[in-house]
Protein backbone atom coordinates (compact mmCIF):
# COMPACT_ATOMS: atom_id res chain seq x y z
CA UNK A 1 72.27 -170.87 37.98
CA UNK A 2 75.89 -171.56 38.90
CA UNK A 3 77.86 -169.04 40.97
CA UNK A 4 80.17 -168.21 38.04
CA UNK A 5 79.66 -168.34 34.28
CA UNK A 6 83.36 -168.00 33.42
CA UNK A 7 86.44 -169.53 35.05
CA UNK A 8 89.94 -168.22 34.27
CA UNK A 9 92.65 -170.67 35.35
CA UNK A 10 96.35 -170.38 35.97
CA UNK A 11 98.25 -173.27 34.35
CA UNK A 12 101.41 -174.38 36.19
CA UNK A 13 100.61 -175.63 39.68
CA UNK A 14 96.86 -175.30 39.06
CA UNK A 15 95.94 -177.52 36.10
CA UNK A 16 99.30 -179.10 35.25
CA UNK A 17 102.12 -180.36 37.44
CA UNK A 18 105.00 -178.99 35.38
CA UNK A 19 107.59 -178.66 38.13
CA UNK A 20 109.90 -181.53 37.21
CA UNK A 21 110.15 -180.54 33.55
CA UNK A 22 110.78 -176.93 34.52
CA UNK A 23 113.52 -178.05 36.90
CA UNK A 24 115.09 -180.34 34.30
CA UNK A 25 115.23 -177.58 31.68
CA UNK A 26 116.54 -175.10 34.25
CA UNK A 27 119.36 -177.43 35.22
CA UNK A 28 120.11 -178.24 31.60
CA UNK A 29 120.57 -174.54 30.85
CA UNK A 30 122.64 -174.02 33.99
CA UNK A 31 124.87 -176.96 33.08
CA UNK A 32 125.51 -175.56 29.60
CA UNK A 33 126.88 -172.44 31.27
CA UNK A 34 128.78 -174.37 33.95
CA UNK A 35 126.59 -173.05 36.74
CA UNK A 36 125.50 -175.00 39.84
CA UNK A 37 122.31 -177.04 39.58
CA UNK A 38 119.18 -176.14 41.56
CA UNK A 39 117.06 -178.52 43.61
CA UNK A 40 113.44 -179.24 42.83
CA UNK A 41 112.34 -177.30 45.90
CA UNK A 42 114.43 -174.30 44.89
CA UNK A 43 112.83 -174.27 41.45
CA UNK A 44 109.40 -174.54 43.10
CA UNK A 45 110.06 -171.21 44.83
CA UNK A 46 111.32 -169.60 41.60
CA UNK A 47 108.28 -170.27 39.40
CA UNK A 48 105.20 -168.10 39.01
CA UNK A 49 106.56 -164.91 37.48
CA UNK A 50 107.58 -166.16 34.04
CA UNK A 51 110.62 -168.03 32.80
CA UNK A 52 112.75 -164.90 32.67
CA UNK A 53 112.32 -164.50 36.41
CA UNK A 54 112.87 -168.23 36.92
CA UNK A 55 116.25 -168.11 35.23
CA UNK A 56 117.18 -164.83 36.91
CA UNK A 57 116.70 -166.48 40.29
CA UNK A 58 118.37 -169.73 39.21
CA UNK A 59 121.65 -168.29 37.94
CA UNK A 60 124.28 -167.28 40.50
CA UNK A 61 123.97 -163.77 41.87
CA UNK A 62 126.06 -161.35 39.85
CA UNK A 63 125.79 -163.29 36.58
CA UNK A 64 126.35 -160.85 33.67
CA UNK A 65 123.17 -159.90 31.86
CA UNK A 66 124.33 -161.30 28.53
CA UNK A 67 125.13 -164.68 30.05
CA UNK A 68 121.79 -164.76 31.86
CA UNK A 69 120.07 -164.00 28.54
CA UNK A 70 121.96 -166.86 26.86
CA UNK A 71 120.99 -169.19 29.70
CA UNK A 72 117.35 -168.18 29.25
CA UNK A 73 117.54 -168.88 25.52
CA UNK A 74 118.97 -172.34 26.23
CA UNK A 75 116.20 -172.97 28.76
CA UNK A 76 113.49 -172.00 26.26
CA UNK A 77 114.90 -174.17 23.49
CA UNK A 78 115.26 -177.19 25.78
CA UNK A 79 111.87 -176.73 27.43
CA UNK A 80 109.96 -176.55 24.15
CA UNK A 81 111.36 -179.96 23.24
CA UNK A 82 111.00 -181.51 26.70
CA UNK A 83 107.99 -179.88 28.34
CA UNK A 84 105.90 -183.06 28.25
CA UNK A 85 108.45 -185.55 29.57
CA UNK A 86 107.17 -185.59 33.15
CA UNK A 87 104.33 -183.05 33.09
CA UNK A 88 100.80 -184.29 33.75
CA UNK A 89 97.42 -182.88 34.77
CA UNK A 90 96.72 -183.04 38.48
CA UNK A 91 94.35 -185.94 39.25
CA UNK A 92 90.78 -184.82 38.78
CA UNK A 93 91.56 -181.82 36.58
CA UNK A 94 90.52 -183.34 33.21
CA UNK A 95 87.18 -184.41 34.70
CA UNK A 96 86.71 -180.97 36.25
CA UNK A 97 87.20 -179.25 32.89
CA UNK A 98 84.92 -181.73 31.15
CA UNK A 99 82.15 -181.13 33.67
CA UNK A 100 82.52 -177.34 33.45
CA UNK A 101 82.26 -177.58 29.67
CA UNK A 102 79.16 -179.77 29.92
CA UNK A 103 77.59 -177.21 32.26
CA UNK A 104 78.13 -174.43 29.73
CA UNK A 105 80.71 -172.60 31.84
CA UNK A 106 83.34 -170.80 29.77
CA UNK A 107 86.96 -171.54 30.61
CA UNK A 108 90.37 -170.13 29.72
CA UNK A 109 93.98 -170.20 30.88
CA UNK A 110 96.27 -167.25 31.51
CA UNK A 111 99.87 -167.95 32.44
CA UNK A 112 103.24 -166.26 32.80
CA UNK A 113 104.82 -169.13 30.89
CA UNK A 114 105.75 -168.11 27.34
CA UNK A 115 102.82 -168.18 24.96
CA UNK A 116 103.96 -170.98 22.66
CA UNK A 117 104.37 -173.39 25.55
CA UNK A 118 101.02 -172.41 27.10
CA UNK A 119 99.11 -172.98 23.88
CA UNK A 120 100.92 -176.24 23.13
CA UNK A 121 100.41 -177.72 26.58
CA UNK A 122 96.76 -176.73 26.78
CA UNK A 123 96.01 -178.16 23.34
CA UNK A 124 97.86 -181.41 24.00
CA UNK A 125 96.42 -182.08 27.45
CA UNK A 126 92.99 -180.46 27.36
CA UNK A 127 91.97 -179.84 23.73
CA UNK A 128 88.68 -178.01 23.30
CA UNK A 129 87.98 -178.12 27.03
CA UNK A 130 90.16 -174.99 27.21
CA UNK A 131 89.40 -172.99 24.06
CA UNK A 132 91.42 -169.93 25.11
CA UNK A 133 95.02 -170.13 26.36
CA UNK A 134 97.18 -167.04 26.75
CA UNK A 135 100.81 -166.85 27.86
CA UNK A 136 103.55 -164.28 28.08
CA UNK A 137 104.17 -162.39 24.83
CA UNK A 138 105.56 -159.06 23.70
CA UNK A 139 103.23 -156.13 24.13
CA UNK A 140 101.09 -157.71 26.85
CA UNK A 141 101.96 -157.17 30.51
CA UNK A 142 102.33 -160.41 32.42
CA UNK A 143 100.62 -161.24 35.69
CA UNK A 144 99.97 -159.78 38.21
CA UNK A 145 98.92 -157.13 35.68
CA UNK A 146 95.36 -157.93 34.60
CA UNK A 147 96.01 -157.64 30.84
CA UNK A 148 96.02 -161.36 30.04
CA UNK A 149 92.86 -161.87 32.07
CA UNK A 150 91.08 -159.12 30.16
CA UNK A 151 92.30 -160.56 26.86
CA UNK A 152 91.00 -164.01 27.82
CA UNK A 153 87.61 -162.58 28.75
CA UNK A 154 87.45 -160.74 25.43
CA UNK A 155 88.33 -163.88 23.45
CA UNK A 156 85.65 -165.80 25.33
CA UNK A 157 83.10 -163.04 24.76
CA UNK A 158 82.61 -162.88 28.53
CA UNK A 159 82.16 -160.03 30.97
CA UNK A 160 84.13 -159.67 34.23
CA UNK A 161 80.86 -159.91 36.12
CA UNK A 162 80.23 -163.59 36.67
CA UNK A 163 83.89 -164.54 36.22
CA UNK A 164 86.29 -166.02 38.78
CA UNK A 165 90.05 -166.54 38.77
CA UNK A 166 91.60 -169.81 39.99
CA UNK A 167 95.31 -170.14 40.78
CA UNK A 168 97.92 -171.52 43.14
CA UNK A 169 100.15 -168.58 44.01
CA UNK A 170 100.45 -165.10 45.47
CA UNK A 171 100.85 -163.82 41.91
CA UNK A 172 97.43 -165.26 41.10
CA UNK A 173 95.84 -163.63 44.14
CA UNK A 174 97.25 -160.26 43.05
CA UNK A 175 96.20 -160.86 39.44
CA UNK A 176 92.60 -161.52 40.44
CA UNK A 177 92.57 -158.42 42.63
CA UNK A 178 93.99 -156.26 39.85
CA UNK A 179 91.39 -157.62 37.42
CA UNK A 180 88.56 -157.01 39.87
CA UNK A 181 87.68 -160.72 40.02
CA UNK A 182 87.09 -163.00 43.00
CA UNK A 183 89.88 -165.53 43.49
CA UNK A 184 89.79 -169.19 44.44
CA UNK A 185 93.23 -170.41 45.53
CA UNK A 186 94.24 -174.06 45.20
CA UNK A 187 96.59 -175.69 47.68
CA UNK A 188 97.60 -178.75 45.64
CA UNK A 189 100.10 -176.84 43.48
CA UNK A 190 103.35 -174.99 44.03
CA UNK A 191 102.28 -173.10 47.19
CA UNK A 192 100.60 -174.57 50.27
CA UNK A 193 97.54 -173.30 52.16
CA UNK A 194 99.62 -171.54 54.81
CA UNK A 195 101.54 -169.57 52.21
CA UNK A 196 98.35 -168.67 50.36
CA UNK A 197 96.60 -167.51 53.52
CA UNK A 198 99.60 -165.40 54.46
CA UNK A 199 99.40 -163.73 51.05
CA UNK A 200 95.76 -162.79 51.26
CA UNK A 201 93.86 -165.82 49.99
CA UNK A 202 90.22 -165.62 51.03
CA UNK A 203 89.01 -168.93 49.64
CA UNK A 204 91.21 -172.03 49.41
CA UNK A 205 90.31 -175.47 48.06
CA UNK A 206 92.36 -178.61 48.55
CA UNK A 207 91.40 -180.75 45.55
CA UNK A 208 89.91 -180.49 42.05
CA UNK A 209 86.85 -182.34 43.39
CA UNK A 210 86.36 -179.66 46.03
CA UNK A 211 86.77 -176.97 43.40
CA UNK A 212 84.25 -178.69 41.14
CA UNK A 213 81.71 -178.90 43.96
CA UNK A 214 82.12 -175.17 44.56
CA UNK A 215 81.87 -174.16 40.90
CA UNK A 216 78.97 -176.43 40.01
CA UNK A 217 76.86 -176.07 43.15
CA UNK A 218 73.81 -173.84 42.56
CA UNK A 219 73.83 -173.20 46.32
CA UNK A 220 77.39 -171.85 46.33
CA UNK A 221 77.74 -168.18 47.07
CA UNK A 222 80.40 -166.14 45.26
CA UNK A 223 82.72 -164.08 47.42
């Protein structure tokens, strides 16, 4: 028996390195509106709470709401056409998902990225290794609310008992807590181990191989 029968993953910074494409689309939208570009490291600090929040933080303070909304629309349109230019799975992630599938462990993704992008990226990079992928959509509260986690569990036909949440940010830690799930934080993504520890992470892994050993070890003890 493995320690968990279901694993719910975050997407950006956990399974896929999407930072450069997010930054490129952010700066494209900013340029359309003659706003200053943002550095890659600035964009890294902006991601995690959905693209609306990303653009809100990227535009200059005091930007009128209607112009911010237009900038967001330009970001979305550009990103949908360019979200696979530089994005790639983190090394070891495809093998991790393949081995979880072979072990009979159910997997899903929940993300604050808009739903169309989440489903497209998961299908293109992971196929049936991630049968459920849920992003931000109208009528469903985004993380750290637990709604998308509960929807993923329902679509998998899984119970919260025996499930674990895996993510790379403080938002993910809060999401797991709100859903009543244990959380495994990963330090290879958009936030480092120090940041995660400072925001309440109780279990941190440094590589997909380390995560795989934890998830597939019968001797592992859930926390």
